[in-house]
């Protein structure tokens, strides 16, 4: 695969440190639309729960912890397989 030619104009752009696979997945998933939908839904749930909103925040903390552990496990599995 041929490297792109470096030009004066290309030096003005910030370099991307995003992995090529991460970029491809981000483009395919369409994350911005999903992020907006999730944020709106989360706000609506918090408003609907009223005084019981702490339940939702506990749910989000548990979900974040599970996601972080899962991502770490995927990373470790990928590194061990390399």
Protein backbone atom coordinates (compact mmCIF):
# COMPACT_ATOMS: atom_id res chain seq x y z
CA UNK A 1 0.00 0.00 0.00
CA UNK A 2 1.40 3.36 -1.04
CA UNK A 3 1.74 6.14 1.55
CA UNK A 4 -0.04 9.41 0.74
CA UNK A 5 2.29 12.15 -0.47
CA UNK A 6 3.05 14.78 2.17
CA UNK A 7 2.17 18.28 0.98
CA UNK A 8 2.49 21.67 2.59
CA UNK A 9 -1.31 21.85 3.04
CA UNK A 10 -1.40 18.42 4.69
CA UNK A 11 0.99 19.68 7.40
CA UNK A 12 -1.69 22.14 8.58
CA UNK A 13 -4.09 19.32 9.51
CA UNK A 14 -4.04 17.80 12.98
CA UNK A 15 -2.77 14.21 12.82
CA UNK A 16 -5.35 11.55 13.61
CA UNK A 17 -4.31 9.05 16.24
CA UNK A 18 -7.51 7.06 15.80
CA UNK A 19 -6.89 3.45 14.80
CA UNK A 20 -8.06 2.61 11.31
CA UNK A 21 -10.41 -0.09 12.60
CA UNK A 22 -11.91 2.32 15.16
CA UNK A 23 -12.47 4.89 12.42
CA UNK A 24 -14.13 2.31 10.13
CA UNK A 25 -16.42 1.11 12.94
CA UNK A 26 -17.33 4.68 13.90
CA UNK A 27 -18.25 5.47 10.31
CA UNK A 28 -20.39 2.33 9.95
CA UNK A 29 -22.23 2.68 13.25
CA UNK A 30 -23.24 6.32 12.81
CA UNK A 31 -22.52 7.11 16.43
CA UNK A 32 -23.60 10.78 16.43
CA UNK A 33 -27.24 9.95 15.77
CA UNK A 34 -27.22 7.17 18.35
CA UNK A 35 -25.48 9.40 20.92
CA UNK A 36 -28.15 12.05 20.46
CA UNK A 37 -30.99 9.49 20.79
CA UNK A 38 -29.43 7.99 23.92
CA UNK A 39 -28.89 11.41 25.52
CA UNK A 40 -32.51 12.42 24.85
CA UNK A 41 -33.83 9.12 26.20
CA UNK A 42 -31.63 9.35 29.30
CA UNK A 43 -32.85 12.89 30.01
CA UNK A 44 -36.48 11.80 29.60
CA UNK A 45 -35.99 8.86 31.98
CA UNK A 46 -34.36 11.06 34.64
CA UNK A 47 -37.23 13.55 34.40
CA UNK A 48 -39.85 10.78 34.57
CA UNK A 49 -38.23 9.20 37.63
CA UNK A 50 -38.32 12.48 39.52
CA UNK A 51 -37.14 11.89 43.11
CA UNK A 52 -36.16 8.30 42.29
CA UNK A 53 -33.59 9.40 39.71
CA UNK A 54 -30.78 7.94 41.82
CA UNK A 55 -31.91 4.54 40.54
CA UNK A 56 -31.10 5.60 36.99
CA UNK A 57 -27.69 6.95 37.98
CA UNK A 58 -26.89 3.65 39.75
CA UNK A 59 -27.92 1.82 36.58
CA UNK A 60 -25.65 4.04 34.45
CA UNK A 61 -22.68 3.48 36.79
CA UNK A 62 -23.17 -0.30 36.64
CA UNK A 63 -23.56 -0.17 32.83
CA UNK A 64 -20.37 1.91 32.48
CA UNK A 65 -18.44 -0.49 34.70
CA UNK A 66 -19.63 -3.49 32.69
CA UNK A 67 -18.73 -1.76 29.42
CA UNK A 68 -15.25 -0.85 30.69
CA UNK A 69 -14.58 -4.42 31.84
CA UNK A 70 -15.85 -5.81 28.54
CA UNK A 71 -13.65 -3.44 26.51
CA UNK A 72 -10.65 -4.37 28.63
CA UNK A 73 -11.37 -8.07 28.11
CA UNK A 74 -11.66 -7.59 24.33
CA UNK A 75 -8.39 -5.65 24.32
CA UNK A 76 -6.63 -8.29 26.44
CA UNK A 77 -7.94 -11.09 24.24
CA UNK A 78 -6.78 -9.26 21.13
CA UNK A 79 -3.34 -8.57 22.57
CA UNK A 80 -2.93 -12.18 23.75
CA UNK A 81 -3.91 -13.50 20.29
CA UNK A 82 -1.40 -11.28 18.46
